[in-house]
PDB file of N, CA and C in Angstrom:
ATOM      1  N   MET A   1      74.475 113.311 100.665  1.00  0.00           N
ATOM      2  CA  MET A   1      76.127 112.945 100.682  1.00  0.00           C
ATOM      3  C   MET A   1      76.450 112.468  99.125  1.00  0.00           C
ATOM      4  N   LYS A   2      77.499 113.157  99.225  1.00  0.00           N
ATOM      5  CA  LYS A   2      77.548 113.248  97.607  1.00  0.00           C
ATOM      6  C   LYS A   2      78.224 111.374  97.119  1.00  0.00           C
ATOM      7  N   LEU A   3      77.894 111.020  96.011  1.00  0.00           N
ATOM      8  CA  LEU A   3      78.377 109.454  95.590  1.00  0.00           C
ATOM      9  C   LEU A   3      79.843 109.175  95.582  1.00  0.00           C
ATOM     10  N   LYS A   4      80.723 110.222  95.411  1.00  0.00           N
ATOM     11  CA  LYS A   4      81.935 110.106  95.578  1.00  0.00           C
ATOM     12  C   LYS A   4      82.260 109.722  96.959  1.00  0.00           C
ATOM     13  N   GLU A   5      81.443 110.516  98.055  1.00  0.00           N
ATOM     14  CA  GLU A   5      81.862 110.346  99.747  1.00  0.00           C
ATOM     15  C   GLU A   5      81.335 108.837  99.630  1.00  0.00           C
ATOM     16  N   TYR A   6      80.139 108.536  99.018  1.00  0.00           N
ATOM     17  CA  TYR A   6      79.572 107.311  99.808  1.00  0.00           C
ATOM     18  C   TYR A   6      80.345 106.027  99.527  1.00  0.00           C
ATOM     19  N   LEU A   7      80.773 105.844  97.958  1.00  0.00           N
ATOM     20  CA  LEU A   7      81.978 105.164  97.458  1.00  0.00           C
ATOM     21  C   LEU A   7      83.290 104.892  98.673  1.00  0.00           C
ATOM     22  N   THR A   8      83.840 106.147  98.858  1.00  0.00           N
ATOM     23  CA  THR A   8      84.940 105.861  99.894  1.00  0.00           C
ATOM     24  C   THR A   8      84.703 105.269 101.451  1.00  0.00           C
ATOM     25  N   GLU A   9      83.568 105.711 101.867  1.00  0.00           N
ATOM     26  CA  GLU A   9      83.280 105.567 103.054  1.00  0.00           C
ATOM     27  C   GLU A   9      82.915 103.990 103.303  1.00  0.00           C
ATOM     28  N   ASN A  10      82.502 103.354 101.814  1.00  0.00           N
ATOM     29  CA  ASN A  10      81.875 102.101 101.737  1.00  0.00           C
ATOM     30  C   ASN A  10      83.024 101.017 101.276  1.00  0.00           C
ATOM     31  N   LYS A  11      84.188 101.982 101.112  1.00  0.00           N
ATOM     32  CA  LYS A  11      85.449 101.136 100.361  1.00  0.00           C
ATOM     33  C   LYS A  11      85.029 100.522  99.067  1.00  0.00           C
ATOM     34  N   PHE A  12      84.270 101.088  98.224  1.00  0.00           N
ATOM     35  CA  PHE A  12      83.847 100.505  96.935  1.00  0.00           C
ATOM     36  C   PHE A  12      84.589 101.077  95.877  1.00  0.00           C
ATOM     37  N   THR A  13      84.924 100.626  94.721  1.00  0.00           N
ATOM     38  CA  THR A  13      85.952 100.878  93.738  1.00  0.00           C
ATOM     39  C   THR A  13      84.533 100.546  92.581  1.00  0.00           C
ATOM     40  N   HIS A  14      85.072 101.528  91.581  1.00  0.00           N
ATOM     41  CA  HIS A  14      83.541 101.561  90.602  1.00  0.00           C
ATOM     42  C   HIS A  14      82.976 100.244  90.254  1.00  0.00           C
ATOM     43  N   ILE A  15      84.041  99.355  89.983  1.00  0.00           N
ATOM     44  CA  ILE A  15      83.760  98.425  89.360  1.00  0.00           C
ATOM     45  C   ILE A  15      82.980  97.208  90.845  1.00  0.00           C
ATOM     46  N   SER A  16      83.531  97.475  91.894  1.00  0.00           N
ATOM     47  CA  SER A  16      82.448  96.854  92.609  1.00  0.00           C
ATOM     48  C   SER A  16      81.277  97.493  93.189  1.00  0.00           C
ATOM     49  N   PHE A  17      81.325  98.540  92.926  1.00  0.00           N
ATOM     50  CA  PHE A  17      79.956  99.309  93.375  1.00  0.00           C
ATOM     51  C   PHE A  17      78.885  98.844  92.354  1.00  0.00           C
ATOM     52  N   ILE A  18      79.190  99.027  91.102  1.00  0.00           N
ATOM     53  CA  ILE A  18      77.955  98.689  89.919  1.00  0.00           C
ATOM     54  C   ILE A  18      77.969  97.085  90.307  1.00  0.00           C
ATOM     55  N   ASN A  19      78.969  96.182  90.697  1.00  0.00           N
ATOM     56  CA  ASN A  19      78.697  94.718  90.567  1.00  0.00           C
ATOM     57  C   ASN A  19      77.483  94.808  91.721  1.00  0.00           C
ATOM     58  N   ALA A  20      77.511  95.628  92.840  1.00  0.00           N
ATOM     59  CA  ALA A  20      76.684  95.287  94.047  1.00  0.00           C
ATOM     60  C   ALA A  20      75.240  95.846  93.437  1.00  0.00           C
ATOM     61  N   VAL A  21      75.277  96.796  92.938  1.00  0.00           N
ATOM     62  CA  VAL A  21      74.185  97.776  92.629  1.00  0.00           C
ATOM     63  C   VAL A  21      73.373  96.594  91.506  1.00  0.00           C
ATOM     64  N   GLU A  22      74.134  95.994  90.706  1.00  0.00           N
ATOM     65  CA  GLU A  22      73.415  95.064  89.533  1.00  0.00           C
ATOM     66  C   GLU A  22      72.740  93.984  90.476  1.00  0.00           C
ATOM     67  N   GLN A  23      73.490  93.363  91.403  1.00  0.00           N
ATOM     68  CA  GLN A  23      73.069  92.292  92.412  1.00  0.00           C
ATOM     69  C   GLN A  23      72.037  92.627  93.105  1.00  0.00           C
ATOM     70  N   LYS A  24      71.926  93.897  93.693  1.00  0.00           N
ATOM     71  CA  LYS A  24      71.005  94.210  94.535  1.00  0.00           C
ATOM     72  C   LYS A  24      69.529  94.457  93.837  1.00  0.00           C
ATOM     73  N   THR A  25      70.002  95.151  92.604  1.00  0.00           N
ATOM     74  CA  THR A  25      68.595  95.763  91.961  1.00  0.00           C
ATOM     75  C   THR A  25      68.507  95.453  90.758  1.00  0.00           C
ATOM     76  N   GLY A  26      69.552  94.438  90.434  1.00  0.00           N
ATOM     77  CA  GLY A  26      69.146  94.121  88.783  1.00  0.00           C
ATOM     78  C   GLY A  26      69.644  95.334  87.827  1.00  0.00           C
ATOM     79  N   HIS A  27      69.792  96.656  88.066  1.00  0.00           N
ATOM     80  CA  HIS A  27      69.931  98.163  87.277  1.00  0.00           C
ATOM     81  C   HIS A  27      71.695  98.038  86.910  1.00  0.00           C
ATOM     82  N   SER A  28      72.230  98.065  85.962  1.00  0.00           N
ATOM     83  CA  SER A  28      73.261  98.169  85.658  1.00  0.00           C
ATOM     84  C   SER A  28      74.132  99.487  84.992  1.00  0.00           C
ATOM     85  N   PHE A  29      74.815  99.856  85.728  1.00  0.00           N
ATOM     86  CA  PHE A  29      75.494 101.237  85.327  1.00  0.00           C
ATOM     87  C   PHE A  29      76.830 100.796  84.625  1.00  0.00           C
ATOM     88  N   SER A  30      77.172 101.924  83.504  1.00  0.00           N
ATOM     89  CA  SER A  30      78.471 101.435  82.783  1.00  0.00           C
ATOM     90  C   SER A  30      79.646 102.231  83.537  1.00  0.00           C
ATOM     91  N   GLN A  31      80.732 101.767  83.647  1.00  0.00           N
ATOM     92  CA  GLN A  31      81.665 102.213  84.076  1.00  0.00           C
ATOM     93  C   GLN A  31      82.164 104.000  84.041  1.00  0.00           C
ATOM     94  N   GLY A  32      81.960 104.322  82.812  1.00  0.00           N
ATOM     95  CA  GLY A  32      82.210 105.556  82.313  1.00  0.00           C
ATOM     96  C   GLY A  32      81.076 106.474  82.813  1.00  0.00           C
ATOM     97  N   GLY A  33      79.890 105.599  82.592  1.00  0.00           N
ATOM     98  CA  GLY A  33      78.660 106.536  83.294  1.00  0.00           C
ATOM     99  C   GLY A  33      78.751 106.758  84.670  1.00  0.00           C
ATOM    100  N   LEU A  34      79.135 105.636  85.608  1.00  0.00           N
ATOM    101  CA  LEU A  34      79.076 106.019  86.928  1.00  0.00           C
ATOM    102  C   LEU A  34      80.498 106.869  87.085  1.00  0.00           C
ATOM    103  N   ALA A  35      81.353 107.091  86.707  1.00  0.00           N
ATOM    104  CA  ALA A  35      82.809 107.954  86.877  1.00  0.00           C
ATOM    105  C   ALA A  35      82.321 109.055  86.870  1.00  0.00           C
ATOM    106  N   LYS A  36      81.500 109.665  85.789  1.00  0.00           N
ATOM    107  CA  LYS A  36      80.986 110.715  85.380  1.00  0.00           C
ATOM    108  C   LYS A  36      80.254 111.667  86.465  1.00  0.00           C
ATOM    109  N   TYR A  37      79.279 110.537  87.136  1.00  0.00           N
ATOM    110  CA  TYR A  37      78.216 110.889  87.692  1.00  0.00           C
ATOM    111  C   TYR A  37      79.017 111.040  89.380  1.00  0.00           C
ATOM    112  N   VAL A  38      80.251 110.577  89.767  1.00  0.00           N
ATOM    113  CA  VAL A  38      80.896 110.805  90.572  1.00  0.00           C
ATOM    114  C   VAL A  38      81.974 112.102  90.512  1.00  0.00           C
ATOM    115  N   ILE A  39      82.518 112.648  89.332  1.00  0.00           N
ATOM    116  CA  ILE A  39      83.198 113.588  89.341  1.00  0.00           C
ATOM    117  C   ILE A  39      82.155 114.772  88.959  1.00  0.00           C
ATOM    118  N   GLY A  40      80.696 114.574  88.817  1.00  0.00           N
ATOM    119  CA  GLY A  40      79.801 115.742  88.670  1.00  0.00           C
ATOM    120  C   GLY A  40      79.505 116.490  86.927  1.00  0.00           C
ATOM    121  N   ALA A  41      80.404 115.376  86.488  1.00  0.00           N
ATOM    122  CA  ALA A  41      80.130 115.819  84.722  1.00  0.00           C
ATOM    123  C   ALA A  41      79.117 115.403  83.800  1.00  0.00           C
ATOM    124  N   ARG A  42      78.185 114.570  84.975  1.00  0.00           N
ATOM    125  CA  ARG A  42      76.765 114.593  84.628  1.00  0.00           C
ATOM    126  C   ARG A  42      75.930 114.027  85.403  1.00  0.00           C
ATOM    127  N   ILE A  43      74.516 114.438  85.382  1.00  0.00           N
ATOM    128  CA  ILE A  43      73.819 113.773  86.382  1.00  0.00           C
ATOM    129  C   ILE A  43      72.811 113.082  85.919  1.00  0.00           C
ATOM    130  N   PRO A  44      72.535 111.845  86.981  1.00  0.00           N
ATOM    131  CA  PRO A  44      71.739 111.101  86.504  1.00  0.00           C
ATOM    132  C   PRO A  44      70.277 110.895  85.975  1.00  0.00           C
ATOM    133  N   ARG A  45      69.808 110.139  85.221  1.00  0.00           N
ATOM    134  CA  ARG A  45      68.545 110.255  84.804  1.00  0.00           C
ATOM    135  C   ARG A  45      67.359 110.011  86.419  1.00  0.00           C
ATOM    136  N   LYS A  46      66.459 110.072  86.477  1.00  0.00           N
ATOM    137  CA  LYS A  46      65.475 109.713  87.082  1.00  0.00           C
ATOM    138  C   LYS A  46      65.638 108.239  87.652  1.00  0.00           C
ATOM    139  N   LYS A  47      65.211 107.556  87.012  1.00  0.00           N
ATOM    140  CA  LYS A  47      65.389 106.163  87.129  1.00  0.00           C
ATOM    141  C   LYS A  47      67.051 105.818  87.582  1.00  0.00           C
ATOM    142  N   GLU A  48      67.836 106.381  87.147  1.00  0.00           N
ATOM    143  CA  GLU A  48      69.321 105.856  87.833  1.00  0.00           C
ATOM    144  C   GLU A  48      69.524 106.721  88.934  1.00  0.00           C
ATOM    145  N   MET A  49      68.855 107.829  89.373  1.00  0.00           N
ATOM    146  CA  MET A  49      69.017 108.511  90.754  1.00  0.00           C
ATOM    147  C   MET A  49      68.077 107.718  91.901  1.00  0.00           C
ATOM    148  N   GLN A  50      67.126 107.056  91.062  1.00  0.00           N
ATOM    149  CA  GLN A  50      66.027 106.192  92.325  1.00  0.00           C
ATOM    150  C   GLN A  50      66.901 105.048  92.610  1.00  0.00           C
ATOM    151  N   VAL A  51      67.408 104.272  91.937  1.00  0.00           N
ATOM    152  CA  VAL A  51      68.422 103.241  91.966  1.00  0.00           C
ATOM    153  C   VAL A  51      69.224 103.528  93.212  1.00  0.00           C
ATOM    154  N   LEU A  52      70.074 104.428  92.876  1.00  0.00           N
ATOM    155  CA  LEU A  52      71.256 105.253  93.768  1.00  0.00           C
ATOM    156  C   LEU A  52      70.683 105.183  94.964  1.00  0.00           C
ATOM    157  N   TYR A  53      69.473 106.064  95.316  1.00  0.00           N
ATOM    158  CA  TYR A  53      68.719 106.172  96.318  1.00  0.00           C
ATOM    159  C   TYR A  53      68.636 104.815  97.487  1.00  0.00           C
ATOM    160  N   ASP A  54      67.678 104.121  96.256  1.00  0.00           N
ATOM    161  CA  ASP A  54      67.620 102.902  97.016  1.00  0.00           C
ATOM    162  C   ASP A  54      68.486 101.951  97.501  1.00  0.00           C
ATOM    163  N   PHE A  55      69.624 102.141  96.689  1.00  0.00           N
ATOM    164  CA  PHE A  55      70.843 101.253  97.159  1.00  0.00           C
ATOM    165  C   PHE A  55      71.524 101.539  98.282  1.00  0.00           C
ATOM    166  N   THR A  56      71.452 103.226  98.512  1.00  0.00           N
ATOM    167  CA  THR A  56      72.310 103.639  99.271  1.00  0.00           C
ATOM    168  C   THR A  56      71.427 104.346 100.754  1.00  0.00           C
ATOM    169  N   ASP A  57      70.356 103.436 100.445  1.00  0.00           N
ATOM    170  CA  ASP A  57      69.384 103.373 101.450  1.00  0.00           C
ATOM    171  C   ASP A  57      69.109 105.075 101.911  1.00  0.00           C
ATOM    172  N   GLY A  58      69.092 105.650 101.202  1.00  0.00           N
ATOM    173  CA  GLY A  58      68.979 107.111 101.143  1.00  0.00           C
ATOM    174  C   GLY A  58      69.931 108.279 101.393  1.00  0.00           C
ATOM    175  N   LYS A  59      71.348 107.538 101.216  1.00  0.00           N
ATOM    176  CA  LYS A  59      72.263 108.305 101.751  1.00  0.00           C
ATOM    177  C   LYS A  59      72.618 109.296 100.570  1.00  0.00           C
ATOM    178  N   VAL A  60      72.504 108.775  99.339  1.00  0.00           N
ATOM    179  CA  VAL A  60      72.819 109.624  98.024  1.00  0.00           C
ATOM    180  C   VAL A  60      71.719 110.021  97.572  1.00  0.00           C
ATOM    181  N   ALA A  61      71.220 111.245  97.872  1.00  0.00           N
ATOM    182  CA  ALA A  61      70.002 111.818  97.272  1.00  0.00           C
ATOM    183  C   ALA A  61      69.798 112.458  96.332  1.00  0.00           C
ATOM    184  N   PRO A  62      68.902 112.376  95.375  1.00  0.00           N
ATOM    185  CA  PRO A  62      68.783 113.223  93.562  1.00  0.00           C
ATOM    186  C   PRO A  62      69.277 114.509  94.280  1.00  0.00           C
ATOM    187  N   ASN A  63      69.167 115.308  95.202  1.00  0.00           N
ATOM    188  CA  ASN A  63      69.613 116.715  95.306  1.00  0.00           C
ATOM    189  C   ASN A  63      71.363 116.736  95.754  1.00  0.00           C
ATOM    190  N   ASP A  64      71.570 115.822  95.857  1.00  0.00           N
ATOM    191  CA  ASP A  64      73.374 115.610  96.135  1.00  0.00           C
ATOM    192  C   ASP A  64      73.992 116.245  94.742  1.00  0.00           C
ATOM    193  N   PHE A  65      73.314 115.650  93.795  1.00  0.00           N
ATOM    194  CA  PHE A  65      74.001 115.951  92.286  1.00  0.00           C
ATOM    195  C   PHE A  65      73.954 117.160  91.820  1.00  0.00           C
ATOM    196  N   TYR A  66      73.046 117.988  92.407  1.00  0.00           N
ATOM    197  CA  TYR A  66      72.858 119.574  92.350  1.00  0.00           C
ATOM    198  C   TYR A  66      73.823 120.190  92.887  1.00  0.00           C
ATOM    199  N   LEU A  67      74.208 121.563  92.759  1.00  0.00           N
ATOM    200  CA  LEU A  67      75.276 122.331  93.625  1.00  0.00           C
ATOM    201  C   LEU A  67      74.227 123.145  94.739  1.00  0.00           C
TER     202      LEU A  67
END
């Protein structure tokens, strides 16, 4: 599942998602960085991919950032 789809289905704004991830995992994303992940302009690094995978219970997987 693409990150954009996950945010839409779970009714997250970028800010609410960033806050929820930080609260659960302690990892913080910048709003600009997250926006680039969402539109596909940037691929998360390994650590960020793992955080996204863990936070979304595997729904957003590393392969989802590639075509």
